[in-house]
Amino acid sequence: MDITAKNKLLIALSHGDEHAFFALYDQYSHTLFSIIFRMVKDRQVSEEIVQDVFLKVWQKRSTIDPNRSFKSWIFTIAKNDVISWYRKLAKETAMQENLYQHFEQLYIMETESDMHEKQAELLERALNTLSERRKEIFVLCKLEQKSYEEVAQKLNISVSTVSNAMVKSNQHIRQFVQDHYDEILVILVTFYFF
């Protein structure tokens, strides 16, 4: 869709045109759903957040500036809604596990691409909660994705020592995730949306 057609839709929407609203919904809802679903891993919640985003668009339609990026605006609304959803559920054990699983993706991102400076700093802070030996074992197992057997052989220790170190390391990292919930949440949501 060219810029003038999109501007016309946004102008029409700002004047309460339902057809313009549904045209924009059709254009953006699938992409928005996909991004939100990658974050929350729940189809129903993702659908609810998309609906909430577009409800806010309709409620704030008179404030729409057709010269500004509509996509950026709705992505910001969605990002804030995802953060709110995570904060609301932060006390639940299942949600803490969900955030921990997402935090683990930082390890993979470090090996696959250049990490954002805040992501790298946060990961380093988490790893620094571990003793030097546990950190070494953790890095080999998680970052380098070596098996417990390979790590044991490389460090000349037993597999059970590697396993015990990983259990303790995971406990420390989980505690770090709990202690830094809001900070991690903002970084992860930003990663998915931008």
C-alpha atoms as a PDB file:
ATOM      1  CA  MET A   1       0.000   0.000   0.000  1.00  0.00           C
ATOM      2  CA  ASP A   2       1.469   3.366  -0.991  1.00  0.00           C
ATOM      3  CA  ILE A   3       1.892   6.270   1.418  1.00  0.00           C
ATOM      4  CA  THR A   4      -0.993   8.328   0.136  1.00  0.00           C
ATOM      5  CA  ALA A   5      -3.406   5.388   0.355  1.00  0.00           C
ATOM      6  CA  LYS A   6      -2.258   4.700   3.909  1.00  0.00           C
ATOM      7  CA  ASN A   7      -2.567   8.395   4.801  1.00  0.00           C
ATOM      8  CA  LYS A   8      -6.103   8.415   3.418  1.00  0.00           C
ATOM      9  CA  LEU A   9      -6.957   5.385   5.558  1.00  0.00           C
ATOM     10  CA  LEU A  10      -5.505   7.021   8.654  1.00  0.00           C
ATOM     11  CA  ILE A  11      -7.363  10.267   7.988  1.00  0.00           C
ATOM     12  CA  ALA A  12     -10.589   8.340   7.439  1.00  0.00           C
ATOM     13  CA  LEU A  13     -10.011   6.356  10.637  1.00  0.00           C
ATOM     14  CA  SER A  14      -9.361   9.534  12.613  1.00  0.00           C
ATOM     15  CA  HIS A  15     -12.825  10.677  11.481  1.00  0.00           C
ATOM     16  CA  GLY A  16     -14.457   7.442  12.666  1.00  0.00           C
ATOM     17  CA  ASP A  17     -14.593   5.485   9.401  1.00  0.00           C
ATOM     18  CA  GLU A  18     -15.108   1.816  10.338  1.00  0.00           C
ATOM     19  CA  HIS A  19     -14.077   0.579   6.884  1.00  0.00           C
ATOM     20  CA  ALA A  20     -10.695   2.286   7.286  1.00  0.00           C
ATOM     21  CA  PHE A  21     -10.360   0.715  10.731  1.00  0.00           C
ATOM     22  CA  PHE A  22     -11.022  -2.794   9.398  1.00  0.00           C
ATOM     23  CA  ALA A  23      -8.689  -2.239   6.430  1.00  0.00           C
ATOM     24  CA  LEU A  24      -5.867  -1.329   8.844  1.00  0.00           C
ATOM     25  CA  TYR A  25      -6.811  -4.224  11.106  1.00  0.00           C
ATOM     26  CA  ASP A  26      -6.569  -6.630   8.156  1.00  0.00           C
ATOM     27  CA  GLN A  27      -3.242  -5.164   7.155  1.00  0.00           C
ATOM     28  CA  TYR A  28      -1.517  -5.320  10.574  1.00  0.00           C
ATOM     29  CA  SER A  29      -3.256  -7.838  12.836  1.00  0.00           C
ATOM     30  CA  HIS A  30      -1.554 -10.992  11.499  1.00  0.00           C
ATOM     31  CA  THR A  31       1.969  -9.597  11.842  1.00  0.00           C
ATOM     32  CA  LEU A  32       1.164  -8.225  15.277  1.00  0.00           C
ATOM     33  CA  PHE A  33      -0.299 -11.560  16.356  1.00  0.00           C
ATOM     34  CA  SER A  34       2.816 -13.433  15.209  1.00  0.00           C
ATOM     35  CA  ILE A  35       5.155 -11.182  17.167  1.00  0.00           C
ATOM     36  CA  ILE A  36       3.010 -11.288  20.298  1.00  0.00           C
ATOM     37  CA  PHE A  37       2.630 -15.067  20.061  1.00  0.00           C
ATOM     38  CA  ARG A  38       6.415 -15.499  19.919  1.00  0.00           C
ATOM     39  CA  MET A  39       6.581 -13.566  23.183  1.00  0.00           C
ATOM     40  CA  VAL A  40       3.711 -15.042  25.187  1.00  0.00           C
ATOM     41  CA  LYS A  41       3.455 -18.527  23.611  1.00  0.00           C
ATOM     42  CA  ASP A  42      -0.303 -18.561  24.163  1.00  0.00           C
ATOM     43  CA  ARG A  43      -2.747 -18.253  21.268  1.00  0.00           C
ATOM     44  CA  GLN A  44      -5.677 -16.970  23.331  1.00  0.00           C
ATOM     45  CA  VAL A  45      -3.607 -14.354  25.156  1.00  0.00           C
ATOM     46  CA  SER A  46      -2.053 -13.247  21.851  1.00  0.00           C
ATOM     47  CA  GLU A  47      -5.491 -12.818  20.294  1.00  0.00           C
ATOM     48  CA  GLU A  48      -6.695 -10.862  23.337  1.00  0.00           C
ATOM     49  CA  ILE A  49      -3.702  -8.527  23.183  1.00  0.00           C
ATOM     50  CA  VAL A  50      -4.223  -7.908  19.453  1.00  0.00           C
ATOM     51  CA  GLN A  51      -7.886  -7.131  20.126  1.00  0.00           C
ATOM     52  CA  ASP A  52      -6.894  -4.802  22.966  1.00  0.00           C
ATOM     53  CA  VAL A  53      -4.379  -2.998  20.736  1.00  0.00           C
ATOM     54  CA  PHE A  54      -7.014  -2.337  18.086  1.00  0.00           C
ATOM     55  CA  LEU A  55      -9.603  -1.362  20.700  1.00  0.00           C
ATOM     56  CA  LYS A  56      -7.121   1.304  21.847  1.00  0.00           C
ATOM     57  CA  VAL A  57      -6.594   2.358  18.223  1.00  0.00           C
ATOM     58  CA  TRP A  58     -10.353   2.841  17.846  1.00  0.00           C
ATOM     59  CA  GLN A  59     -10.654   4.677  21.166  1.00  0.00           C
ATOM     60  CA  LYS A  60      -7.757   7.016  20.292  1.00  0.00           C
ATOM     61  CA  ARG A  61      -8.597   7.362  16.594  1.00  0.00           C
ATOM     62  CA  SER A  62      -9.124  11.138  16.849  1.00  0.00           C
ATOM     63  CA  THR A  63      -5.498  11.575  17.963  1.00  0.00           C
ATOM     64  CA  ILE A  64      -4.001   9.726  14.979  1.00  0.00           C
ATOM     65  CA  ASP A  65      -1.447  11.717  13.026  1.00  0.00           C
ATOM     66  CA  PRO A  66      -1.432  10.403   9.420  1.00  0.00           C
ATOM     67  CA  ASN A  67       2.117  11.699   8.965  1.00  0.00           C
ATOM     68  CA  ARG A  68       3.503   9.447  11.692  1.00  0.00           C
ATOM     69  CA  SER A  69       4.149   5.727  11.468  1.00  0.00           C
ATOM     70  CA  PHE A  70       0.982   3.826  12.299  1.00  0.00           C
ATOM     71  CA  LYS A  71       2.975   0.591  12.536  1.00  0.00           C
ATOM     72  CA  SER A  72       5.342   2.034  15.155  1.00  0.00           C
ATOM     73  CA  TRP A  73       2.394   3.340  17.117  1.00  0.00           C
ATOM     74  CA  ILE A  74       0.532   0.025  17.276  1.00  0.00           C
ATOM     75  CA  PHE A  75       3.758  -1.890  17.976  1.00  0.00           C
ATOM     76  CA  THR A  76       4.395   0.423  20.934  1.00  0.00           C
ATOM     77  CA  ILE A  77       0.879  -0.201  22.222  1.00  0.00           C
ATOM     78  CA  ALA A  78       1.391  -3.965  21.791  1.00  0.00           C
ATOM     79  CA  LYS A  79       4.793  -3.872  23.496  1.00  0.00           C
ATOM     80  CA  ASN A  80       3.283  -2.075  26.487  1.00  0.00           C
ATOM     81  CA  ASP A  81       0.382  -4.544  26.621  1.00  0.00           C
ATOM     82  CA  VAL A  82       2.764  -7.521  26.594  1.00  0.00           C
ATOM     83  CA  ILE A  83       4.824  -5.967  29.390  1.00  0.00           C
ATOM     84  CA  SER A  84       1.642  -5.336  31.387  1.00  0.00           C
ATOM     85  CA  TRP A  85       0.527  -8.925  30.846  1.00  0.00           C
ATOM     86  CA  TYR A  86       3.865 -10.276  32.093  1.00  0.00           C
ATOM     87  CA  ARG A  87       3.876  -7.950  35.094  1.00  0.00           C
ATOM     88  CA  LYS A  88       0.357  -8.998  36.054  1.00  0.00           C
ATOM     89  CA  LEU A  89       1.389 -12.641  36.027  1.00  0.00           C
ATOM     90  CA  ALA A  90       4.866 -12.134  37.487  1.00  0.00           C
ATOM     91  CA  LYS A  91       4.015 -13.763  40.793  1.00  0.00           C
ATOM     92  CA  GLU A  92       2.938 -17.037  39.235  1.00  0.00           C
ATOM     93  CA  THR A  93       5.522 -19.803  39.138  1.00  0.00           C
ATOM     94  CA  ALA A  94       4.573 -20.770  35.589  1.00  0.00           C
ATOM     95  CA  MET A  95       5.173 -17.208  34.412  1.00  0.00           C
ATOM     96  CA  GLN A  96       8.546 -17.102  36.136  1.00  0.00           C
ATOM     97  CA  GLU A  97       9.448 -20.291  34.290  1.00  0.00           C
ATOM     98  CA  ASN A  98       8.271 -18.739  31.020  1.00  0.00           C
ATOM     99  CA  LEU A  99      10.484 -15.689  31.547  1.00  0.00           C
ATOM    100  CA  TYR A 100      13.417 -17.907  32.511  1.00  0.00           C
ATOM    101  CA  GLN A 101      13.003 -19.826  29.243  1.00  0.00           C
ATOM    102  CA  HIS A 102      13.045 -16.539  27.325  1.00  0.00           C
ATOM    103  CA  PHE A 103      16.090 -15.394  29.302  1.00  0.00           C
ATOM    104  CA  GLU A 104      17.873 -18.563  28.183  1.00  0.00           C
ATOM    105  CA  GLN A 105      17.458 -17.319  24.611  1.00  0.00           C
ATOM    106  CA  LEU A 106      19.994 -14.628  25.480  1.00  0.00           C
ATOM    107  CA  TYR A 107      22.633 -17.373  25.555  1.00  0.00           C
ATOM    108  CA  ILE A 108      21.709 -18.454  22.038  1.00  0.00           C
ATOM    109  CA  MET A 109      21.503 -14.883  20.744  1.00  0.00           C
ATOM    110  CA  GLU A 110      25.016 -14.240  22.019  1.00  0.00           C
ATOM    111  CA  THR A 111      26.400 -17.064  19.927  1.00  0.00           C
ATOM    112  CA  GLU A 112      24.273 -16.362  16.833  1.00  0.00           C
ATOM    113  CA  SER A 113      24.539 -12.605  16.436  1.00  0.00           C
ATOM    114  CA  ASP A 114      25.779  -9.386  17.892  1.00  0.00           C
ATOM    115  CA  MET A 115      23.813  -8.828  21.034  1.00  0.00           C
ATOM    116  CA  HIS A 116      22.407  -5.506  21.995  1.00  0.00           C
ATOM    117  CA  GLU A 117      24.667  -3.907  24.603  1.00  0.00           C
ATOM    118  CA  LYS A 118      22.034  -4.129  27.362  1.00  0.00           C
ATOM    119  CA  GLN A 119      21.401  -7.803  26.617  1.00  0.00           C
ATOM    120  CA  ALA A 120      25.110  -8.583  26.776  1.00  0.00           C
ATOM    121  CA  GLU A 121      25.524  -6.626  30.003  1.00  0.00           C
ATOM    122  CA  LEU A 122      22.534  -8.342  31.597  1.00  0.00           C
ATOM    123  CA  LEU A 123      23.778 -11.782  30.602  1.00  0.00           C
ATOM    124  CA  GLU A 124      27.228 -10.995  31.988  1.00  0.00           C
ATOM    125  CA  ARG A 125      25.706  -9.826  35.289  1.00  0.00           C
ATOM    126  CA  ALA A 126      23.739 -13.060  35.528  1.00  0.00           C
ATOM    127  CA  LEU A 127      26.821 -15.166  34.820  1.00  0.00           C
ATOM    128  CA  ASN A 128      28.806 -13.212  37.402  1.00  0.00           C
ATOM    129  CA  THR A 129      26.466 -14.483  40.123  1.00  0.00           C
ATOM    130  CA  LEU A 130      28.187 -17.855  39.648  1.00  0.00           C
ATOM    131  CA  SER A 131      31.522 -18.991  41.042  1.00  0.00           C
ATOM    132  CA  GLU A 132      34.343 -19.133  38.479  1.00  0.00           C
ATOM    133  CA  ARG A 133      34.139 -22.943  38.154  1.00  0.00           C
ATOM    134  CA  ARG A 134      30.330 -22.973  37.821  1.00  0.00           C
ATOM    135  CA  LYS A 135      30.486 -20.133  35.325  1.00  0.00           C
ATOM    136  CA  GLU A 136      33.005 -22.078  33.251  1.00  0.00           C
ATOM    137  CA  ILE A 137      30.812 -25.195  33.292  1.00  0.00           C
ATOM    138  CA  PHE A 138      27.669 -23.172  32.603  1.00  0.00           C
ATOM    139  CA  VAL A 139      29.241 -21.383  29.623  1.00  0.00           C
ATOM    140  CA  LEU A 140      30.454 -24.667  28.152  1.00  0.00           C
ATOM    141  CA  CYS A 141      27.061 -26.345  28.572  1.00  0.00           C
ATOM    142  CA  LYS A 142      24.739 -23.456  27.675  1.00  0.00           C
ATOM    143  CA  LEU A 143      26.672 -21.139  25.398  1.00  0.00           C
ATOM    144  CA  GLU A 144      28.824 -23.676  23.649  1.00  0.00           C
ATOM    145  CA  GLN A 145      26.085 -26.335  23.955  1.00  0.00           C
ATOM    146  CA  LYS A 146      28.483 -29.089  24.897  1.00  0.00           C
ATOM    147  CA  SER A 147      27.175 -32.260  26.520  1.00  0.00           C
ATOM    148  CA  TYR A 148      27.862 -32.957  30.196  1.00  0.00           C
ATOM    149  CA  GLU A 149      30.182 -35.756  29.087  1.00  0.00           C
ATOM    150  CA  GLU A 150      32.192 -33.434  26.839  1.00  0.00           C
ATOM    151  CA  VAL A 151      32.508 -30.836  29.601  1.00  0.00           C
ATOM    152  CA  ALA A 152      33.530 -33.460  32.155  1.00  0.00           C
ATOM    153  CA  GLN A 153      36.197 -34.776  29.819  1.00  0.00           C
ATOM    154  CA  LYS A 154      37.483 -31.294  28.918  1.00  0.00           C
ATOM    155  CA  LEU A 155      37.716 -30.180  32.568  1.00  0.00           C
ATOM    156  CA  ASN A 156      38.856 -33.575  33.856  1.00  0.00           C
ATOM    157  CA  ILE A 157      35.945 -33.859  36.306  1.00  0.00           C
ATOM    158  CA  SER A 158      33.080 -36.305  36.695  1.00  0.00           C
ATOM    159  CA  VAL A 159      29.772 -36.031  34.845  1.00  0.00           C
ATOM    160  CA  SER A 160      27.991 -35.853  38.201  1.00  0.00           C
ATOM    161  CA  THR A 161      30.130 -32.827  39.130  1.00  0.00           C
ATOM    162  CA  VAL A 162      29.049 -31.133  35.891  1.00  0.00           C
ATOM    163  CA  SER A 163      25.426 -32.050  36.561  1.00  0.00           C
ATOM    164  CA  ASN A 164      25.567 -30.743  40.143  1.00  0.00           C
ATOM    165  CA  ALA A 165      27.221 -27.513  38.992  1.00  0.00           C
ATOM    166  CA  MET A 166      24.503 -27.002  36.372  1.00  0.00           C
ATOM    167  CA  VAL A 167      21.731 -27.564  38.921  1.00  0.00           C
ATOM    168  CA  LYS A 168      23.264 -24.968  41.258  1.00  0.00           C
ATOM    169  CA  SER A 169      23.992 -22.579  38.377  1.00  0.00           C
ATOM    170  CA  ASN A 170      20.418 -22.810  37.118  1.00  0.00           C
ATOM    171  CA  GLN A 171      19.159 -22.015  40.633  1.00  0.00           C
ATOM    172  CA  HIS A 172      21.357 -18.901  40.756  1.00  0.00           C
ATOM    173  CA  ILE A 173      20.305 -17.793  37.283  1.00  0.00           C
ATOM    174  CA  ARG A 174      16.630 -18.333  38.136  1.00  0.00           C
ATOM    175  CA  GLN A 175      17.076 -16.179  41.223  1.00  0.00           C
ATOM    176  CA  PHE A 176      18.751 -13.523  39.098  1.00  0.00           C
ATOM    177  CA  VAL A 177      15.787 -13.601  36.690  1.00  0.00           C
ATOM    178  CA  GLN A 178      13.360 -13.166  39.613  1.00  0.00           C
ATOM    179  CA  ASP A 179      15.391 -10.311  41.066  1.00  0.00           C
ATOM    180  CA  HIS A 180      15.622  -8.500  37.716  1.00  0.00           C
ATOM    181  CA  TYR A 181      12.200  -9.386  36.311  1.00  0.00           C
ATOM    182  CA  ASP A 182      11.218  -5.947  34.997  1.00  0.00           C
ATOM    183  CA  GLU A 183      14.601  -5.243  33.422  1.00  0.00           C
ATOM    184  CA  ILE A 184      14.706  -8.608  31.638  1.00  0.00           C
ATOM    185  CA  LEU A 185      11.113  -8.254  30.511  1.00  0.00           C
ATOM    186  CA  VAL A 186      11.698  -4.890  28.871  1.00  0.00           C
ATOM    187  CA  ILE A 187      14.830  -6.148  27.066  1.00  0.00           C
ATOM    188  CA  LEU A 188      13.117  -9.295  25.789  1.00  0.00           C
ATOM    189  CA  VAL A 189       9.978  -7.510  24.634  1.00  0.00           C
ATOM    190  CA  THR A 190      12.095  -4.881  22.885  1.00  0.00           C
ATOM    191  CA  PHE A 191      14.058  -7.661  21.168  1.00  0.00           C
ATOM    192  CA  TYR A 192      10.869  -9.151  19.713  1.00  0.00           C
ATOM    193  CA  PHE A 193       9.281  -5.872  18.620  1.00  0.00           C
ATOM    194  CA  PHE A 194      12.260  -3.995  17.192  1.00  0.00           C
END
